[in-house]
């Protein structure tokens, strides 16, 4: 098991890499990863971590899986990109189209952001309408529409988002179907799509929420889009469609579908998807979808190798069992330490939501402090998002993370108390 880190690694990046990270959710310690194997990664200082970040969930087989490495190595000698039809992309599209649910046709992109953007564009092209309904607190990547509504109101959480994007976005509440019905009552004739994470930020839907949402969309001829960038091939081989038993009109895949390489897709019903056919280029509702590396063969063979492993018997039983063990262990540690927080998620996903401890924002402060202490104890995770579990994680890995979580809570609470005392002393000294 990894040993505690007594001195955080020093990585000088401030002058060249904005935010010292490639992520919108930077870690509380600047860790520069050197290599990964199985469930482990090592930073440039040689520190070892059990990895529950897994490239933001893309590596469900863990790092450097032999079957993925073999497939990628074999393809590299044949070529890495063609921007044209290639056999691996065609085979992967065919495999996706075999999934239970709505998929009849597929179009590839490179990122989850692109997939959800293209899905919304297809819905607008199909319906001839502009407005889109999303849910407060949801996350659909980095395009304009996806950056609206994180705090429950139709307001962008980023600079550079035009007012028009806000005006065309409606916000409802996940698991509150009455909020959807209210939006439909006023705007159904203007709504092109409902864009939803079927498991929103690790929170499962209530039993009736997704079925009722699908019924409402069908009745109003509104395109229902499942953002399965996170849940696709994770909750079940058929993703959230299979796991929750609800079929949308379009579905977006990312992360796992590329086996750790850049790949995503938007897929769904033929009558909508066919609008992206370049042969319809002169048609007024043709929908342009293109990308230099979309469907490149290296990502496609990595995806095919990953899906082949996930189809093996017992895979999802194992993932769900480990996920349940992790969630139970995290909950036990929270109870043992008397910390106000809850553990959510299902399948190989666990997320911890800390309550505010008497003052606004203190829950987030504790989450960041615990995250920092987890890193120092050899657990790589981003608590602002979730713990991800792979097929190469073991019960020992999970138990190590649970024990480290308990120790991290103790250390974080002590550190925050010391910091608060220092702030009080400073305020008194300033007044005197």
Foldseek 3Di string as FASTA:
>chain_A
DFAFFPDADDDDDPVPDPVLDPDPFDALGNFAWDFWDQQWTAGPVGGIFREQCCVVQLAQRTGPDVLLVVLLVVVVVVPWFDLDDDDLLVVLQVVLQPFPFFFDGKWKDFAQLQQVVLVLLLLCLLLVAQAEEEEALAARDDDQLRQARPHNALDGPDPPRDVVSSVRYHYAHALPVVRVVVCCVVDLSRARAYEYACQGLQNHHDLCRQVVVQVVCVVSVHFYEHECQPQDCFLHVSGPCVVNVHHTAKYKHHSHQQLPGGMIMIGGHPVSVVLCPCVCVVPPSRRDDGDRHTSTNSSSSSNVSSSVVSPDPPQQVVQQVLLVLLQVLQVVLCVVVVFAWHWGHGGQKIAIFGDQDPDPPNRVQLQSQLSVQLVSRRHHDRNVRTGGHHSSDDNVSSVSSSVSSSVSSVVSVVVVVVVVVVVVVVVVVVVD
